[in-house]
Amino acid sequence: MDCLIVVGTALETNLAANIVAQAITNKKLIVEINIDPVIKYGNVKYLIGQAEQIIPNFCELTLAKFKTN
């Protein structure tokens, strides 16, 4: 895993919390898309807002970046 993208979770389930914890332990980039960010540690970049508004733009920009490389 190079990067973990976390969308709209409160990390209240063991699976989500464990995946995030593993990414933090392995010092991976975490992109959290959430109205209220919950990840407090690690290499986290926050995209604060509603996923429905953020994800389309995020995908478009990410795909454009891959096309230029």
PDB file of N, CA and C in Angstrom:
ATOM      1  N   MET A   1       0.850  -1.171   0.000  1.00  0.00           N
ATOM      2  CA  MET A   1       0.000   0.000   0.000  1.00  0.00           C
ATOM      3  C   MET A   1       0.899   1.238   0.000  1.00  0.00           C
ATOM      4  N   ASP A   2       0.677   2.120  -0.956  1.00  0.00           N
ATOM      5  CA  ASP A   2       1.417   3.378  -1.022  1.00  0.00           C
ATOM      6  C   ASP A   2       0.684   4.498  -0.317  1.00  0.00           C
ATOM      7  N   CYS A   3      -0.643   4.426  -0.353  1.00  0.00           N
ATOM      8  CA  CYS A   3      -1.476   5.506   0.170  1.00  0.00           C
ATOM      9  C   CYS A   3      -2.819   4.900   0.571  1.00  0.00           C
ATOM     10  N   LEU A   4      -3.414   5.441   1.607  1.00  0.00           N
ATOM     11  CA  LEU A   4      -4.736   5.012   2.036  1.00  0.00           C
ATOM     12  C   LEU A   4      -5.679   6.200   1.923  1.00  0.00           C
ATOM     13  N   ILE A   5      -6.789   6.001   1.231  1.00  0.00           N
ATOM     14  CA  ILE A   5      -7.817   7.039   1.119  1.00  0.00           C
ATOM     15  C   ILE A   5      -8.981   6.606   2.003  1.00  0.00           C
ATOM     16  N   VAL A   6      -9.290   7.425   2.988  1.00  0.00           N
ATOM     17  CA  VAL A   6     -10.345   7.128   3.954  1.00  0.00           C
ATOM     18  C   VAL A   6     -11.489   8.092   3.695  1.00  0.00           C
ATOM     19  N   VAL A   7     -12.688   7.545   3.481  1.00  0.00           N
ATOM     20  CA  VAL A   7     -13.839   8.381   3.135  1.00  0.00           C
ATOM     21  C   VAL A   7     -14.955   8.194   4.157  1.00  0.00           C
ATOM     22  N   GLY A   8     -15.327   9.295   4.801  1.00  0.00           N
ATOM     23  CA  GLY A   8     -16.526   9.365   5.633  1.00  0.00           C
ATOM     24  C   GLY A   8     -16.677   8.305   6.695  1.00  0.00           C
ATOM     25  N   THR A   9     -15.692   8.117   7.528  1.00  0.00           N
ATOM     26  CA  THR A   9     -15.808   7.148   8.605  1.00  0.00           C
ATOM     27  C   THR A   9     -15.491   7.807   9.936  1.00  0.00           C
ATOM     28  N   ALA A  10     -16.076   7.265  10.991  1.00  0.00           N
ATOM     29  CA  ALA A  10     -15.759   7.713  12.339  1.00  0.00           C
ATOM     30  C   ALA A  10     -14.774   6.748  12.999  1.00  0.00           C
ATOM     31  N   LEU A  11     -14.330   5.747  12.253  1.00  0.00           N
ATOM     32  CA  LEU A  11     -13.408   4.715  12.734  1.00  0.00           C
ATOM     33  C   LEU A  11     -13.974   3.962  13.936  1.00  0.00           C
ATOM     34  N   GLU A  12     -15.274   3.755  13.941  1.00  0.00           N
ATOM     35  CA  GLU A  12     -15.916   3.060  15.051  1.00  0.00           C
ATOM     36  C   GLU A  12     -15.953   1.547  14.867  1.00  0.00           C
ATOM     37  N   THR A  13     -15.594   1.057  13.696  1.00  0.00           N
ATOM     38  CA  THR A  13     -15.531  -0.389  13.491  1.00  0.00           C
ATOM     39  C   THR A  13     -14.071  -0.832  13.569  1.00  0.00           C
ATOM     40  N   ASN A  14     -13.868  -2.054  14.023  1.00  0.00           N
ATOM     41  CA  ASN A  14     -12.505  -2.568  14.158  1.00  0.00           C
ATOM     42  C   ASN A  14     -11.777  -2.617  12.830  1.00  0.00           C
ATOM     43  N   LEU A  15     -12.458  -2.999  11.766  1.00  0.00           N
ATOM     44  CA  LEU A  15     -11.804  -3.122  10.466  1.00  0.00           C
ATOM     45  C   LEU A  15     -11.241  -1.778  10.009  1.00  0.00           C
ATOM     46  N   ALA A  16     -12.054  -0.757  10.028  1.00  0.00           N
ATOM     47  CA  ALA A  16     -11.594   0.575   9.600  1.00  0.00           C
ATOM     48  C   ALA A  16     -10.469   1.070  10.501  1.00  0.00           C
ATOM     49  N   ALA A  17     -10.630   0.932  11.796  1.00  0.00           N
ATOM     50  CA  ALA A  17      -9.610   1.406  12.738  1.00  0.00           C
ATOM     51  C   ALA A  17      -8.295   0.652  12.549  1.00  0.00           C
ATOM     52  N   ASN A  18      -8.366  -0.656  12.310  1.00  0.00           N
ATOM     53  CA  ASN A  18      -7.153  -1.455  12.123  1.00  0.00           C
ATOM     54  C   ASN A  18      -6.427  -1.105  10.829  1.00  0.00           C
ATOM     55  N   ILE A  19      -7.164  -0.860   9.770  1.00  0.00           N
ATOM     56  CA  ILE A  19      -6.543  -0.494   8.490  1.00  0.00           C
ATOM     57  C   ILE A  19      -5.827   0.846   8.622  1.00  0.00           C
ATOM     58  N   VAL A  20      -6.465   1.803   9.270  1.00  0.00           N
ATOM     59  CA  VAL A  20      -5.839   3.115   9.475  1.00  0.00           C
ATOM     60  C   VAL A  20      -4.620   2.978  10.387  1.00  0.00           C
ATOM     61  N   ALA A  21      -4.736   2.201  11.446  1.00  0.00           N
ATOM     62  CA  ALA A  21      -3.609   2.002  12.363  1.00  0.00           C
ATOM     63  C   ALA A  21      -2.412   1.381  11.642  1.00  0.00           C
ATOM     64  N   GLN A  22      -2.682   0.427  10.760  1.00  0.00           N
ATOM     65  CA  GLN A  22      -1.604  -0.204   9.997  1.00  0.00           C
ATOM     66  C   GLN A  22      -0.921   0.820   9.090  1.00  0.00           C
ATOM     67  N   ALA A  23      -1.698   1.677   8.442  1.00  0.00           N
ATOM     68  CA  ALA A  23      -1.126   2.714   7.576  1.00  0.00           C
ATOM     69  C   ALA A  23      -0.273   3.687   8.389  1.00  0.00           C
ATOM     70  N   ILE A  24      -0.734   4.050   9.576  1.00  0.00           N
ATOM     71  CA  ILE A  24       0.034   4.954  10.441  1.00  0.00           C
ATOM     72  C   ILE A  24       1.341   4.281  10.865  1.00  0.00           C
ATOM     73  N   THR A  25       1.265   3.019  11.281  1.00  0.00           N
ATOM     74  CA  THR A  25       2.455   2.278  11.699  1.00  0.00           C
ATOM     75  C   THR A  25       3.479   2.185  10.579  1.00  0.00           C
ATOM     76  N   ASN A  26       3.001   1.989   9.355  1.00  0.00           N
ATOM     77  CA  ASN A  26       3.886   1.851   8.198  1.00  0.00           C
ATOM     78  C   ASN A  26       4.245   3.191   7.558  1.00  0.00           C
ATOM     79  N   LYS A  27       3.841   4.284   8.222  1.00  0.00           N
ATOM     80  CA  LYS A  27       4.176   5.646   7.783  1.00  0.00           C
ATOM     81  C   LYS A  27       3.734   5.936   6.348  1.00  0.00           C
ATOM     82  N   LYS A  28       2.543   5.474   6.015  1.00  0.00           N
ATOM     83  CA  LYS A  28       1.975   5.709   4.689  1.00  0.00           C
ATOM     84  C   LYS A  28       1.175   7.011   4.683  1.00  0.00           C
ATOM     85  N   LEU A  29       1.055   7.595   3.523  1.00  0.00           N
ATOM     86  CA  LEU A  29       0.211   8.773   3.358  1.00  0.00           C
ATOM     87  C   LEU A  29      -1.246   8.355   3.511  1.00  0.00           C
ATOM     88  N   ILE A  30      -1.987   9.119   4.296  1.00  0.00           N
ATOM     89  CA  ILE A  30      -3.419   8.885   4.468  1.00  0.00           C
ATOM     90  C   ILE A  30      -4.143  10.145   4.004  1.00  0.00           C
ATOM     91  N   VAL A  31      -5.089   9.978   3.098  1.00  0.00           N
ATOM     92  CA  VAL A  31      -5.939  11.083   2.662  1.00  0.00           C
ATOM     93  C   VAL A  31      -7.310  10.837   3.282  1.00  0.00           C
ATOM     94  N   GLU A  32      -7.723  11.733   4.162  1.00  0.00           N
ATOM     95  CA  GLU A  32      -9.018  11.581   4.810  1.00  0.00           C
ATOM     96  C   GLU A  32     -10.012  12.567   4.209  1.00  0.00           C
ATOM     97  N   ILE A  33     -11.089  12.033   3.657  1.00  0.00           N
ATOM     98  CA  ILE A  33     -12.177  12.832   3.102  1.00  0.00           C
ATOM     99  C   ILE A  33     -13.344  12.687   4.073  1.00  0.00           C
ATOM    100  N   ASN A  34     -13.665  13.781   4.761  1.00  0.00           N
ATOM    101  CA  ASN A  34     -14.642  13.673   5.823  1.00  0.00           C
ATOM    102  C   ASN A  34     -15.139  15.068   6.211  1.00  0.00           C
ATOM    103  N   ILE A  35     -16.356  15.141   6.674  1.00  0.00           N
ATOM    104  CA  ILE A  35     -16.882  16.408   7.192  1.00  0.00           C
ATOM    105  C   ILE A  35     -16.185  16.752   8.500  1.00  0.00           C
ATOM    106  N   ASP A  36     -16.030  15.754   9.364  1.00  0.00           N
ATOM    107  CA  ASP A  36     -15.347  15.917  10.645  1.00  0.00           C
ATOM    108  C   ASP A  36     -14.183  14.933  10.708  1.00  0.00           C
ATOM    109  N   PRO A  37     -12.974  15.368  10.384  1.00  0.00           N
ATOM    110  CA  PRO A  37     -11.829  14.454  10.395  1.00  0.00           C
ATOM    111  C   PRO A  37     -11.639  13.803  11.764  1.00  0.00           C
ATOM    112  N   VAL A  38     -11.257  12.522  11.741  1.00  0.00           N
ATOM    113  CA  VAL A  38     -11.092  11.778  12.988  1.00  0.00           C
ATOM    114  C   VAL A  38      -9.680  11.215  13.165  1.00  0.00           C
ATOM    115  N   ILE A  39      -8.883  11.197  12.123  1.00  0.00           N
ATOM    116  CA  ILE A  39      -7.535  10.649  12.218  1.00  0.00           C
ATOM    117  C   ILE A  39      -6.617  11.752  12.748  1.00  0.00           C
ATOM    118  N   LYS A  40      -6.035  11.524  13.906  1.00  0.00           N
ATOM    119  CA  LYS A  40      -5.263  12.563  14.590  1.00  0.00           C
ATOM    120  C   LYS A  40      -3.757  12.383  14.466  1.00  0.00           C
ATOM    121  N   TYR A  41      -3.297  11.222  14.011  1.00  0.00           N
ATOM    122  CA  TYR A  41      -1.865  10.942  13.967  1.00  0.00           C
ATOM    123  C   TYR A  41      -1.464  10.464  12.579  1.00  0.00           C
ATOM    124  N   GLY A  42      -0.184  10.506  12.310  1.00  0.00           N
ATOM    125  CA  GLY A  42       0.326   9.999  11.050  1.00  0.00           C
ATOM    126  C   GLY A  42       0.460  11.088  10.005  1.00  0.00           C
ATOM    127  N   ASN A  43       0.810  10.648   8.819  1.00  0.00           N
ATOM    128  CA  ASN A  43       0.995  11.531   7.661  1.00  0.00           C
ATOM    129  C   ASN A  43      -0.358  11.693   6.974  1.00  0.00           C
ATOM    130  N   VAL A  44      -1.196  12.572   7.510  1.00  0.00           N
ATOM    131  CA  VAL A  44      -2.578  12.709   7.052  1.00  0.00           C
ATOM    132  C   VAL A  44      -2.764  14.027   6.312  1.00  0.00           C
ATOM    133  N   LYS A  45      -3.424  13.952   5.179  1.00  0.00           N
ATOM    134  CA  LYS A  45      -3.867  15.135   4.432  1.00  0.00           C
ATOM    135  C   LYS A  45      -5.386  15.120   4.487  1.00  0.00           C
ATOM    136  N   TYR A  46      -5.967  16.235   4.873  1.00  0.00           N
ATOM    137  CA  TYR A  46      -7.413  16.317   5.060  1.00  0.00           C
ATOM    138  C   TYR A  46      -8.079  17.022   3.892  1.00  0.00           C
ATOM    139  N   LEU A  47      -9.141  16.436   3.392  1.00  0.00           N
ATOM    140  CA  LEU A  47     -10.044  17.084   2.443  1.00  0.00           C
ATOM    141  C   LEU A  47     -11.375  17.168   3.175  1.00  0.00           C
ATOM    142  N   ILE A  48     -11.656  18.318   3.732  1.00  0.00           N
ATOM    143  CA  ILE A  48     -12.805  18.476   4.624  1.00  0.00           C
ATOM    144  C   ILE A  48     -14.030  18.914   3.826  1.00  0.00           C
ATOM    145  N   GLY A  49     -15.089  18.140   3.973  1.00  0.00           N
ATOM    146  CA  GLY A  49     -16.339  18.437   3.296  1.00  0.00           C
ATOM    147  C   GLY A  49     -17.097  17.163   2.996  1.00  0.00           C
ATOM    148  N   GLN A  50     -18.132  17.303   2.190  1.00  0.00           N
ATOM    149  CA  GLN A  50     -18.956  16.155   1.832  1.00  0.00           C
ATOM    150  C   GLN A  50     -18.296  15.355   0.718  1.00  0.00           C
ATOM    151  N   ALA A  51     -18.268  14.056   0.899  1.00  0.00           N
ATOM    152  CA  ALA A  51     -17.626  13.168  -0.067  1.00  0.00           C
ATOM    153  C   ALA A  51     -18.216  13.334  -1.469  1.00  0.00           C
ATOM    154  N   GLU A  52     -19.519  13.565  -1.552  1.00  0.00           N
ATOM    155  CA  GLU A  52     -20.180  13.695  -2.858  1.00  0.00           C
ATOM    156  C   GLU A  52     -19.628  14.872  -3.656  1.00  0.00           C
ATOM    157  N   GLN A  53     -19.146  15.866  -2.956  1.00  0.00           N
ATOM    158  CA  GLN A  53     -18.597  17.044  -3.624  1.00  0.00           C
ATOM    159  C   GLN A  53     -17.094  16.910  -3.878  1.00  0.00           C
ATOM    160  N   ILE A  54     -16.401  16.266  -2.968  1.00  0.00           N
ATOM    161  CA  ILE A  54     -14.943  16.192  -3.053  1.00  0.00           C
ATOM    162  C   ILE A  54     -14.456  15.094  -3.988  1.00  0.00           C
ATOM    163  N   ILE A  55     -15.041  13.914  -3.918  1.00  0.00           N
ATOM    164  CA  ILE A  55     -14.512  12.761  -4.658  1.00  0.00           C
ATOM    165  C   ILE A  55     -14.471  12.967  -6.171  1.00  0.00           C
ATOM    166  N   PRO A  56     -15.496  13.512  -6.823  1.00  0.00           N
ATOM    167  CA  PRO A  56     -15.389  13.699  -8.274  1.00  0.00           C
ATOM    168  C   PRO A  56     -14.192  14.569  -8.673  1.00  0.00           C
ATOM    169  N   ASN A  57     -13.976  15.669  -7.974  1.00  0.00           N
ATOM    170  CA  ASN A  57     -12.832  16.544  -8.273  1.00  0.00           C
ATOM    171  C   ASN A  57     -11.515  15.855  -7.954  1.00  0.00           C
ATOM    172  N   PHE A  58     -11.466  15.155  -6.840  1.00  0.00           N
ATOM    173  CA  PHE A  58     -10.262  14.428  -6.443  1.00  0.00           C
ATOM    174  C   PHE A  58      -9.888  13.394  -7.506  1.00  0.00           C
ATOM    175  N   CYS A  59     -10.861  12.643  -7.976  1.00  0.00           N
ATOM    176  CA  CYS A  59     -10.612  11.629  -9.012  1.00  0.00           C
ATOM    177  C   CYS A  59     -10.152  12.272 -10.316  1.00  0.00           C
ATOM    178  N   GLU A  60     -10.800  13.333 -10.700  1.00  0.00           N
ATOM    179  CA  GLU A  60     -10.430  14.023 -11.938  1.00  0.00           C
ATOM    180  C   GLU A  60      -8.990  14.526 -11.879  1.00  0.00           C
ATOM    181  N   LEU A  61      -8.625  15.153 -10.778  1.00  0.00           N
ATOM    182  CA  LEU A  61      -7.260  15.666 -10.629  1.00  0.00           C
ATOM    183  C   LEU A  61      -6.234  14.534 -10.555  1.00  0.00           C
ATOM    184  N   THR A  62      -6.591  13.463  -9.878  1.00  0.00           N
ATOM    185  CA  THR A  62      -5.681  12.321  -9.757  1.00  0.00           C
ATOM    186  C   THR A  62      -5.465  11.662 -11.111  1.00  0.00           C
ATOM    187  N   LEU A  63      -6.524  11.447 -11.856  1.00  0.00           N
ATOM    188  CA  LEU A  63      -6.396  10.830 -13.189  1.00  0.00           C
ATOM    189  C   LEU A  63      -5.607  11.726 -14.137  1.00  0.00           C
ATOM    190  N   ALA A  64      -5.815  13.029 -14.043  1.00  0.00           N
ATOM    191  CA  ALA A  64      -5.062  13.957 -14.893  1.00  0.00           C
ATOM    192  C   ALA A  64      -3.568  13.884 -14.577  1.00  0.00           C
ATOM    193  N   LYS A  65      -3.241  13.718 -13.319  1.00  0.00           N
ATOM    194  CA  LYS A  65      -1.838  13.603 -12.905  1.00  0.00           C
ATOM    195  C   LYS A  65      -1.197  12.354 -13.493  1.00  0.00           C
ATOM    196  N   PHE A  66      -1.927  11.234 -13.505  1.00  0.00           N
ATOM    197  CA  PHE A  66      -1.395   9.993 -14.068  1.00  0.00           C
ATOM    198  C   PHE A  66      -1.202  10.104 -15.576  1.00  0.00           C
ATOM    199  N   LYS A  67      -2.073  10.836 -16.243  1.00  0.00           N
ATOM    200  CA  LYS A  67      -1.958  10.994 -17.698  1.00  0.00           C
ATOM    201  C   LYS A  67      -0.740  11.824 -18.088  1.00  0.00           C
ATOM    202  N   THR A  68      -0.320  12.750 -17.224  1.00  0.00           N
ATOM    203  CA  THR A  68       0.837  13.590 -17.543  1.00  0.00           C
ATOM    204  C   THR A  68       2.153  12.919 -17.204  1.00  0.00           C
ATOM    205  N   ASN A  69       2.102  11.848 -16.423  1.00  0.00           N
ATOM    206  CA  ASN A  69       3.354  11.147 -16.045  1.00  0.00           C
ATOM    207  C   ASN A  69       3.651  10.059 -16.989  1.00  0.00           C
TER     208      ASN A  69
END
